[in-house]
Amino acid sequence: MTSPSVIFVLGPTASGKSKLALHWAQKTGGVVLNCDSVQTYTLTDIGTAKPTLEERKLAPHLLFDFVVPPLEMTAGIFRELAR
């Protein structure tokens, strides 16, 4: 059994990473996995350049908008969830 391919898209906020990731996810049947700690939180839509709800319907998006403040996300928890 082979491991699935992983494509990393890196860059500053609002540089088009999510758009590119969405394009590849649609083309390959993959998913968009969020690695931005701030985008894990609900109520942080302004200033985070999260994909819109419409964009998230076009391909699976994981680890967005699931931590409700005042709960905190740690690197260890995030690592386990990303597995």
N, C-alpha and C. Protein backbone atom coordinates (compact mmCIF):
# COMPACT_ATOMS: atom_id res chain seq x y z
N MET A 1 0.85 -1.18 0.00
CA MET A 1 0.00 0.00 0.00
C MET A 1 0.89 1.24 0.00
N THR A 2 0.58 2.19 -0.86
CA THR A 2 1.37 3.41 -0.92
C THR A 2 0.70 4.51 -0.11
N SER A 3 1.51 5.42 0.38
CA SER A 3 0.99 6.57 1.12
C SER A 3 0.42 7.58 0.14
N PRO A 4 -0.62 8.32 0.54
CA PRO A 4 -1.16 9.35 -0.35
C PRO A 4 -0.16 10.49 -0.51
N SER A 5 -0.21 11.14 -1.65
CA SER A 5 0.64 12.31 -1.89
C SER A 5 0.13 13.48 -1.07
N VAL A 6 1.07 14.28 -0.61
CA VAL A 6 0.73 15.48 0.15
C VAL A 6 1.38 16.66 -0.55
N ILE A 7 0.59 17.69 -0.82
CA ILE A 7 1.10 18.92 -1.43
C ILE A 7 0.97 20.02 -0.38
N PHE A 8 2.07 20.68 -0.07
CA PHE A 8 2.06 21.79 0.87
C PHE A 8 2.03 23.09 0.09
N VAL A 9 1.16 24.00 0.50
CA VAL A 9 1.08 25.33 -0.10
C VAL A 9 1.39 26.32 1.01
N LEU A 10 2.49 27.03 0.88
CA LEU A 10 2.94 27.95 1.93
C LEU A 10 3.00 29.37 1.40
N GLY A 11 2.74 30.34 2.27
CA GLY A 11 2.83 31.74 1.90
C GLY A 11 2.14 32.62 2.91
N PRO A 12 2.23 33.94 2.73
CA PRO A 12 1.61 34.87 3.67
C PRO A 12 0.09 34.88 3.55
N THR A 13 -0.56 35.46 4.55
CA THR A 13 -2.01 35.59 4.56
C THR A 13 -2.49 36.29 3.29
N ALA A 14 -3.58 35.79 2.74
CA ALA A 14 -4.26 36.39 1.58
C ALA A 14 -3.40 36.38 0.32
N SER A 15 -2.52 35.37 0.17
CA SER A 15 -1.67 35.29 -1.02
C SER A 15 -2.20 34.31 -2.06
N GLY A 16 -3.37 33.70 -1.79
CA GLY A 16 -3.96 32.79 -2.76
C GLY A 16 -3.75 31.31 -2.46
N LYS A 17 -3.24 31.00 -1.27
CA LYS A 17 -3.00 29.60 -0.90
C LYS A 17 -4.28 28.78 -0.93
N SER A 18 -5.34 29.30 -0.35
CA SER A 18 -6.59 28.55 -0.27
C SER A 18 -7.18 28.32 -1.65
N LYS A 19 -7.09 29.31 -2.52
CA LYS A 19 -7.61 29.17 -3.88
C LYS A 19 -6.84 28.08 -4.63
N LEU A 20 -5.53 28.08 -4.50
CA LEU A 20 -4.71 27.05 -5.14
C LEU A 20 -5.01 25.67 -4.55
N ALA A 21 -5.12 25.59 -3.23
CA ALA A 21 -5.42 24.31 -2.57
C ALA A 21 -6.78 23.79 -3.02
N LEU A 22 -7.76 24.68 -3.14
CA LEU A 22 -9.09 24.27 -3.60
C LEU A 22 -9.02 23.74 -5.03
N HIS A 23 -8.28 24.43 -5.88
CA HIS A 23 -8.12 23.99 -7.27
C HIS A 23 -7.55 22.57 -7.31
N TRP A 24 -6.48 22.32 -6.56
CA TRP A 24 -5.86 20.99 -6.55
C TRP A 24 -6.76 19.94 -5.94
N ALA A 25 -7.48 20.31 -4.88
CA ALA A 25 -8.39 19.35 -4.25
C ALA A 25 -9.48 18.93 -5.23
N GLN A 26 -10.02 19.88 -5.97
CA GLN A 26 -11.05 19.55 -6.96
C GLN A 26 -10.47 18.70 -8.09
N LYS A 27 -9.28 19.04 -8.54
CA LYS A 27 -8.66 18.34 -9.67
C LYS A 27 -8.27 16.90 -9.31
N THR A 28 -7.86 16.68 -8.07
CA THR A 28 -7.32 15.37 -7.68
C THR A 28 -8.25 14.56 -6.78
N GLY A 29 -9.37 15.16 -6.36
CA GLY A 29 -10.25 14.48 -5.42
C GLY A 29 -9.70 14.50 -4.01
N GLY A 30 -8.81 15.45 -3.74
CA GLY A 30 -8.19 15.57 -2.42
C GLY A 30 -8.98 16.44 -1.47
N VAL A 31 -8.33 16.80 -0.39
CA VAL A 31 -8.94 17.65 0.63
C VAL A 31 -8.03 18.83 0.91
N VAL A 32 -8.61 19.89 1.49
CA VAL A 32 -7.85 21.04 1.96
C VAL A 32 -7.75 20.90 3.47
N LEU A 33 -6.54 20.77 3.98
CA LEU A 33 -6.30 20.61 5.41
C LEU A 33 -5.71 21.91 5.94
N ASN A 34 -6.45 22.59 6.80
CA ASN A 34 -6.00 23.84 7.39
C ASN A 34 -4.84 23.62 8.34
N CYS A 35 -3.81 24.44 8.21
CA CYS A 35 -2.67 24.40 9.14
C CYS A 35 -2.45 25.76 9.79
N ASP A 36 -3.43 26.64 9.73
CA ASP A 36 -3.36 27.96 10.34
C ASP A 36 -4.10 27.90 11.67
N SER A 37 -3.39 28.06 12.77
CA SER A 37 -4.01 27.90 14.09
C SER A 37 -5.17 28.86 14.31
N VAL A 38 -5.11 30.06 13.76
CA VAL A 38 -6.19 31.03 13.98
C VAL A 38 -7.46 30.62 13.24
N GLN A 39 -7.32 29.97 12.09
CA GLN A 39 -8.49 29.56 11.32
C GLN A 39 -9.22 28.37 11.93
N THR A 40 -8.65 27.75 12.95
CA THR A 40 -9.36 26.68 13.64
C THR A 40 -10.49 27.23 14.50
N TYR A 41 -10.38 28.50 14.88
CA TYR A 41 -11.36 29.10 15.78
C TYR A 41 -12.59 29.63 15.05
N THR A 42 -13.75 29.45 15.67
CA THR A 42 -14.95 30.11 15.19
C THR A 42 -14.81 31.60 15.52
N LEU A 43 -15.58 32.43 14.91
CA LEU A 43 -15.61 33.87 15.17
C LEU A 43 -14.33 34.59 14.76
N THR A 44 -13.51 33.99 13.91
CA THR A 44 -12.28 34.66 13.45
C THR A 44 -12.28 34.83 11.93
N ASP A 45 -13.44 35.11 11.36
CA ASP A 45 -13.52 35.23 9.90
C ASP A 45 -12.80 36.48 9.39
N ILE A 46 -12.88 37.57 10.13
CA ILE A 46 -12.23 38.81 9.70
C ILE A 46 -10.74 38.73 10.01
N GLY A 47 -9.92 39.03 9.02
CA GLY A 47 -8.48 39.07 9.22
C GLY A 47 -7.76 37.74 9.07
N THR A 48 -8.48 36.67 8.73
CA THR A 48 -7.82 35.37 8.59
C THR A 48 -7.85 34.84 7.16
N ALA A 49 -8.59 35.45 6.28
CA ALA A 49 -8.70 35.01 4.88
C ALA A 49 -9.14 33.55 4.78
N LYS A 50 -10.07 33.15 5.65
CA LYS A 50 -10.62 31.79 5.57
C LYS A 50 -11.35 31.61 4.25
N PRO A 51 -11.36 30.39 3.71
CA PRO A 51 -12.20 30.13 2.54
C PRO A 51 -13.66 30.38 2.90
N THR A 52 -14.43 30.86 1.94
CA THR A 52 -15.84 31.12 2.19
C THR A 52 -16.59 29.80 2.35
N LEU A 53 -17.79 29.87 2.87
CA LEU A 53 -18.62 28.67 3.00
C LEU A 53 -18.90 28.07 1.63
N GLU A 54 -19.08 28.92 0.61
CA GLU A 54 -19.31 28.43 -0.74
C GLU A 54 -18.09 27.66 -1.25
N GLU A 55 -16.90 28.19 -1.01
CA GLU A 55 -15.68 27.50 -1.44
C GLU A 55 -15.52 26.17 -0.70
N ARG A 56 -15.88 26.15 0.56
CA ARG A 56 -15.74 24.92 1.36
C ARG A 56 -16.69 23.82 0.90
N LYS A 57 -17.74 24.20 0.18
CA LYS A 57 -18.68 23.20 -0.34
C LYS A 57 -18.15 22.52 -1.60
N LEU A 58 -17.14 23.11 -2.24
CA LEU A 58 -16.62 22.59 -3.51
C LEU A 58 -15.64 21.43 -3.33
N ALA A 59 -15.05 21.31 -2.15
CA ALA A 59 -14.12 20.22 -1.83
C ALA A 59 -14.06 20.13 -0.30
N PRO A 60 -13.74 18.95 0.23
CA PRO A 60 -13.64 18.83 1.68
C PRO A 60 -12.56 19.75 2.26
N HIS A 61 -12.92 20.47 3.31
CA HIS A 61 -12.00 21.34 4.04
C HIS A 61 -11.98 20.85 5.49
N LEU A 62 -10.81 20.52 6.00
CA LEU A 62 -10.69 19.98 7.34
C LEU A 62 -9.97 20.94 8.29
N LEU A 63 -10.38 20.91 9.54
CA LEU A 63 -9.79 21.70 10.63
C LEU A 63 -10.00 23.20 10.49
N PHE A 64 -11.16 23.60 10.02
CA PHE A 64 -11.58 25.00 9.99
C PHE A 64 -12.75 25.17 10.94
N ASP A 65 -12.80 26.29 11.68
CA ASP A 65 -14.00 26.69 12.44
C ASP A 65 -14.54 25.62 13.39
N PHE A 66 -13.71 25.02 14.21
CA PHE A 66 -14.25 24.02 15.12
C PHE A 66 -13.90 24.26 16.58
N VAL A 67 -13.02 25.20 16.88
CA VAL A 67 -12.67 25.51 18.27
C VAL A 67 -13.44 26.76 18.66
N VAL A 68 -14.28 26.63 19.68
CA VAL A 68 -15.11 27.75 20.12
C VAL A 68 -14.43 28.43 21.31
N PRO A 69 -14.07 29.73 21.15
CA PRO A 69 -13.47 30.43 22.29
C PRO A 69 -14.42 30.39 23.48
N PRO A 70 -13.94 30.27 24.69
CA PRO A 70 -12.56 30.46 25.14
C PRO A 70 -11.72 29.20 25.14
N LEU A 71 -12.19 28.09 24.54
CA LEU A 71 -11.35 26.90 24.44
C LEU A 71 -10.09 27.23 23.66
N GLU A 72 -9.03 26.53 23.95
CA GLU A 72 -7.76 26.79 23.28
C GLU A 72 -7.30 25.57 22.49
N MET A 73 -6.60 25.83 21.41
CA MET A 73 -6.01 24.78 20.60
C MET A 73 -4.52 24.74 20.91
N THR A 74 -3.99 23.56 21.20
CA THR A 74 -2.56 23.42 21.42
C THR A 74 -1.94 22.71 20.22
N ALA A 75 -0.64 22.82 20.10
CA ALA A 75 0.06 22.15 18.99
C ALA A 75 -0.13 20.64 19.07
N GLY A 76 -0.12 20.10 20.27
CA GLY A 76 -0.29 18.66 20.44
C GLY A 76 -1.67 18.18 20.00
N ILE A 77 -2.70 18.90 20.40
CA ILE A 77 -4.07 18.54 20.00
C ILE A 77 -4.21 18.68 18.48
N PHE A 78 -3.69 19.76 17.93
CA PHE A 78 -3.77 20.00 16.49
C PHE A 78 -3.08 18.86 15.74
N ARG A 79 -1.93 18.44 16.21
CA ARG A 79 -1.19 17.35 15.57
C ARG A 79 -2.02 16.07 15.54
N GLU A 80 -2.64 15.75 16.65
CA GLU A 80 -3.45 14.53 16.70
C GLU A 80 -4.65 14.62 15.77
N LEU A 81 -5.30 15.77 15.72
CA LEU A 81 -6.46 15.94 14.85
C LEU A 81 -6.08 15.87 13.37
N ALA A 82 -4.90 16.37 13.04
CA ALA A 82 -4.45 16.38 11.65
C ALA A 82 -4.12 14.98 11.15
N ARG A 83 -3.84 14.07 12.05
CA ARG A 83 -3.51 12.70 11.63
C ARG A 83 -4.74 12.07 11.04
